[in-house]
Amino acid sequence: MWDNLKWLESVEKLRGIAERTNADVIFGHDPEQRKALTLAPNGYYS
């Protein structure tokens, strides 16, 4: 968070991994995204 370049590199790395693997990125700090997820025991996320 204190090094803008490192933060951007990290975001781009995660974005690339998600695109290459067709992964869903789940942000643990995003309450709106959490509302849209199907959580355990009815889903894949806990």
PDB file of N, CA and C in Angstrom:
ATOM      1  N   MET A   1       0.813  -1.196   0.000  1.00  0.00           N
ATOM      2  CA  MET A   1       0.000   0.000   0.000  1.00  0.00           C
ATOM      3  C   MET A   1       0.860   1.264   0.000  1.00  0.00           C
ATOM      4  N   TRP A   2       2.089   1.140   0.424  1.00  0.00           N
ATOM      5  CA  TRP A   2       2.929   2.331   0.489  1.00  0.00           C
ATOM      6  C   TRP A   2       3.762   2.524  -0.782  1.00  0.00           C
ATOM      7  N   ASP A   3       3.833   1.481  -1.597  1.00  0.00           N
ATOM      8  CA  ASP A   3       4.610   1.547  -2.828  1.00  0.00           C
ATOM      9  C   ASP A   3       3.642   1.357  -3.994  1.00  0.00           C
ATOM     10  N   ASN A   4       3.262   2.452  -4.633  1.00  0.00           N
ATOM     11  CA  ASN A   4       2.255   2.392  -5.686  1.00  0.00           C
ATOM     12  C   ASN A   4       2.649   1.461  -6.825  1.00  0.00           C
ATOM     13  N   LEU A   5       3.902   1.449  -7.200  1.00  0.00           N
ATOM     14  CA  LEU A   5       4.349   0.591  -8.290  1.00  0.00           C
ATOM     15  C   LEU A   5       4.214  -0.885  -7.907  1.00  0.00           C
ATOM     16  N   LYS A   6       4.635  -1.240  -6.712  1.00  0.00           N
ATOM     17  CA  LYS A   6       4.518  -2.633  -6.252  1.00  0.00           C
ATOM     18  C   LYS A   6       3.058  -3.043  -6.147  1.00  0.00           C
ATOM     19  N   TRP A   7       2.206  -2.139  -5.693  1.00  0.00           N
ATOM     20  CA  TRP A   7       0.776  -2.431  -5.597  1.00  0.00           C
ATOM     21  C   TRP A   7       0.212  -2.725  -6.990  1.00  0.00           C
ATOM     22  N   LEU A   8       0.549  -1.891  -7.961  1.00  0.00           N
ATOM     23  CA  LEU A   8       0.068  -2.082  -9.317  1.00  0.00           C
ATOM     24  C   LEU A   8       0.600  -3.387  -9.909  1.00  0.00           C
ATOM     25  N   GLU A   9       1.860  -3.699  -9.671  1.00  0.00           N
ATOM     26  CA  GLU A   9       2.427  -4.958 -10.152  1.00  0.00           C
ATOM     27  C   GLU A   9       1.683  -6.144  -9.550  1.00  0.00           C
ATOM     28  N   SER A  10       1.344  -6.061  -8.290  1.00  0.00           N
ATOM     29  CA  SER A  10       0.614  -7.130  -7.619  1.00  0.00           C
ATOM     30  C   SER A  10      -0.782  -7.307  -8.216  1.00  0.00           C
ATOM     31  N   VAL A  11      -1.474  -6.207  -8.444  1.00  0.00           N
ATOM     32  CA  VAL A  11      -2.804  -6.260  -9.048  1.00  0.00           C
ATOM     33  C   VAL A  11      -2.733  -6.878 -10.436  1.00  0.00           C
ATOM     34  N   GLU A  12      -1.754  -6.475 -11.225  1.00  0.00           N
ATOM     35  CA  GLU A  12      -1.611  -7.011 -12.574  1.00  0.00           C
ATOM     36  C   GLU A  12      -1.261  -8.498 -12.552  1.00  0.00           C
ATOM     37  N   LYS A  13      -0.451  -8.905 -11.589  1.00  0.00           N
ATOM     38  CA  LYS A  13      -0.113 -10.326 -11.455  1.00  0.00           C
ATOM     39  C   LYS A  13      -1.364 -11.139 -11.158  1.00  0.00           C
ATOM     40  N   LEU A  14      -2.167 -10.689 -10.204  1.00  0.00           N
ATOM     41  CA  LEU A  14      -3.403 -11.396  -9.861  1.00  0.00           C
ATOM     42  C   LEU A  14      -4.380 -11.407 -11.030  1.00  0.00           C
ATOM     43  N   ARG A  15      -4.498 -10.296 -11.720  1.00  0.00           N
ATOM     44  CA  ARG A  15      -5.379 -10.222 -12.889  1.00  0.00           C
ATOM     45  C   ARG A  15      -4.941 -11.220 -13.960  1.00  0.00           C
ATOM     46  N   GLY A  16      -3.648 -11.311 -14.202  1.00  0.00           N
ATOM     47  CA  GLY A  16      -3.127 -12.247 -15.193  1.00  0.00           C
ATOM     48  C   GLY A  16      -3.399 -13.693 -14.816  1.00  0.00           C
ATOM     49  N   ILE A  17      -3.178 -14.030 -13.548  1.00  0.00           N
ATOM     50  CA  ILE A  17      -3.453 -15.389 -13.079  1.00  0.00           C
ATOM     51  C   ILE A  17      -4.931 -15.717 -13.251  1.00  0.00           C
ATOM     52  N   ALA A  18      -5.789 -14.799 -12.867  1.00  0.00           N
ATOM     53  CA  ALA A  18      -7.235 -15.026 -12.982  1.00  0.00           C
ATOM     54  C   ALA A  18      -7.642 -15.230 -14.436  1.00  0.00           C
ATOM     55  N   GLU A  19      -7.084 -14.440 -15.327  1.00  0.00           N
ATOM     56  CA  GLU A  19      -7.427 -14.572 -16.750  1.00  0.00           C
ATOM     57  C   GLU A  19      -6.920 -15.890 -17.327  1.00  0.00           C
ATOM     58  N   ARG A  20      -5.691 -16.280 -16.991  1.00  0.00           N
ATOM     59  CA  ARG A  20      -5.114 -17.513 -17.541  1.00  0.00           C
ATOM     60  C   ARG A  20      -5.801 -18.764 -17.012  1.00  0.00           C
ATOM     61  N   THR A  21      -6.293 -18.710 -15.798  1.00  0.00           N
ATOM     62  CA  THR A  21      -6.876 -19.900 -15.166  1.00  0.00           C
ATOM     63  C   THR A  21      -8.394 -19.853 -15.103  1.00  0.00           C
ATOM     64  N   ASN A  22      -8.992 -18.791 -15.649  1.00  0.00           N
ATOM     65  CA  ASN A  22     -10.445 -18.608 -15.598  1.00  0.00           C
ATOM     66  C   ASN A  22     -10.955 -18.648 -14.152  1.00  0.00           C
ATOM     67  N   ALA A  23     -10.194 -18.034 -13.260  1.00  0.00           N
ATOM     68  CA  ALA A  23     -10.510 -18.051 -11.838  1.00  0.00           C
ATOM     69  C   ALA A  23     -11.405 -16.878 -11.447  1.00  0.00           C
ATOM     70  N   ASP A  24     -12.149 -17.079 -10.387  1.00  0.00           N
ATOM     71  CA  ASP A  24     -12.887 -15.991  -9.754  1.00  0.00           C
ATOM     72  C   ASP A  24     -11.995 -15.389  -8.684  1.00  0.00           C
ATOM     73  N   VAL A  25     -11.885 -14.087  -8.660  1.00  0.00           N
ATOM     74  CA  VAL A  25     -11.121 -13.407  -7.622  1.00  0.00           C
ATOM     75  C   VAL A  25     -12.117 -12.950  -6.567  1.00  0.00           C
ATOM     76  N   ILE A  26     -11.896 -13.408  -5.344  1.00  0.00           N
ATOM     77  CA  ILE A  26     -12.786 -13.067  -4.245  1.00  0.00           C
ATOM     78  C   ILE A  26     -12.042 -12.130  -3.305  1.00  0.00           C
ATOM     79  N   PHE A  27     -12.616 -10.949  -3.134  1.00  0.00           N
ATOM     80  CA  PHE A  27     -12.011  -9.941  -2.278  1.00  0.00           C
ATOM     81  C   PHE A  27     -12.608 -10.065  -0.881  1.00  0.00           C
ATOM     82  N   GLY A  28     -11.794 -10.431   0.078  1.00  0.00           N
ATOM     83  CA  GLY A  28     -12.279 -10.635   1.432  1.00  0.00           C
ATOM     84  C   GLY A  28     -12.797  -9.373   2.092  1.00  0.00           C
ATOM     85  N   HIS A  29     -12.511  -8.216   1.534  1.00  0.00           N
ATOM     86  CA  HIS A  29     -12.904  -6.950   2.135  1.00  0.00           C
ATOM     87  C   HIS A  29     -14.069  -6.299   1.395  1.00  0.00           C
ATOM     88  N   ASP A  30     -14.748  -7.052   0.517  1.00  0.00           N
ATOM     89  CA  ASP A  30     -15.812  -6.467  -0.294  1.00  0.00           C
ATOM     90  C   ASP A  30     -17.176  -7.035   0.098  1.00  0.00           C
ATOM     91  N   PRO A  31     -17.897  -6.350   0.980  1.00  0.00           N
ATOM     92  CA  PRO A  31     -19.187  -6.882   1.436  1.00  0.00           C
ATOM     93  C   PRO A  31     -20.214  -7.019   0.314  1.00  0.00           C
ATOM     94  N   GLU A  32     -20.142  -6.200  -0.709  1.00  0.00           N
ATOM     95  CA  GLU A  32     -21.093  -6.307  -1.824  1.00  0.00           C
ATOM     96  C   GLU A  32     -20.825  -7.576  -2.640  1.00  0.00           C
ATOM     97  N   GLN A  33     -19.564  -7.879  -2.869  1.00  0.00           N
ATOM     98  CA  GLN A  33     -19.244  -9.106  -3.592  1.00  0.00           C
ATOM     99  C   GLN A  33     -19.677 -10.321  -2.777  1.00  0.00           C
ATOM    100  N   ARG A  34     -19.461 -10.284  -1.490  1.00  0.00           N
ATOM    101  CA  ARG A  34     -19.830 -11.412  -0.617  1.00  0.00           C
ATOM    102  C   ARG A  34     -21.320 -11.704  -0.701  1.00  0.00           C
ATOM    103  N   LYS A  35     -22.127 -10.676  -0.795  1.00  0.00           N
ATOM    104  CA  LYS A  35     -23.575 -10.882  -0.905  1.00  0.00           C
ATOM    105  C   LYS A  35     -23.942 -11.671  -2.157  1.00  0.00           C
ATOM    106  N   ALA A  36     -23.147 -11.550  -3.212  1.00  0.00           N
ATOM    107  CA  ALA A  36     -23.437 -12.208  -4.480  1.00  0.00           C
ATOM    108  C   ALA A  36     -22.920 -13.648  -4.543  1.00  0.00           C
ATOM    109  N   LEU A  37     -22.126 -14.073  -3.560  1.00  0.00           N
ATOM    110  CA  LEU A  37     -21.553 -15.412  -3.576  1.00  0.00           C
ATOM    111  C   LEU A  37     -22.499 -16.424  -2.944  1.00  0.00           C
ATOM    112  N   THR A  38     -22.450 -17.647  -3.436  1.00  0.00           N
ATOM    113  CA  THR A  38     -23.159 -18.748  -2.803  1.00  0.00           C
ATOM    114  C   THR A  38     -22.190 -19.377  -1.824  1.00  0.00           C
ATOM    115  N   LEU A  39     -22.478 -19.256  -0.559  1.00  0.00           N
ATOM    116  CA  LEU A  39     -21.551 -19.694   0.478  1.00  0.00           C
ATOM    117  C   LEU A  39     -21.875 -21.096   0.971  1.00  0.00           C
ATOM    118  N   ALA A  40     -20.899 -21.725   1.619  1.00  0.00           N
ATOM    119  CA  ALA A  40     -21.077 -23.052   2.198  1.00  0.00           C
ATOM    120  C   ALA A  40     -22.208 -23.012   3.218  1.00  0.00           C
ATOM    121  N   PRO A  41     -22.950 -24.054   3.356  1.00  0.00           N
ATOM    122  CA  PRO A  41     -22.789 -25.375   2.741  1.00  0.00           C
ATOM    123  C   PRO A  41     -23.469 -25.505   1.390  1.00  0.00           C
ATOM    124  N   ASN A  42     -24.037 -24.450   0.858  1.00  0.00           N
ATOM    125  CA  ASN A  42     -24.775 -24.518  -0.414  1.00  0.00           C
ATOM    126  C   ASN A  42     -23.926 -24.191  -1.625  1.00  0.00           C
ATOM    127  N   GLY A  43     -22.672 -23.841  -1.433  1.00  0.00           N
ATOM    128  CA  GLY A  43     -21.845 -23.428  -2.558  1.00  0.00           C
ATOM    129  C   GLY A  43     -20.407 -23.823  -2.358  1.00  0.00           C
ATOM    130  N   TYR A  44     -19.557 -23.235  -3.170  1.00  0.00           N
ATOM    131  CA  TYR A  44     -18.137 -23.580  -3.167  1.00  0.00           C
ATOM    132  C   TYR A  44     -17.322 -22.713  -2.232  1.00  0.00           C
ATOM    133  N   TYR A  45     -17.861 -21.595  -1.805  1.00  0.00           N
ATOM    134  CA  TYR A  45     -17.094 -20.642  -1.009  1.00  0.00           C
ATOM    135  C   TYR A  45     -17.519 -20.701   0.440  1.00  0.00           C
ATOM    136  N   SER A  46     -16.577 -20.495   1.323  1.00  0.00           N
ATOM    137  CA  SER A  46     -16.921 -20.478   2.744  1.00  0.00           C
ATOM    138  C   SER A  46     -16.480 -19.177   3.375  1.00  0.00           C
TER     139      SER A  46
END
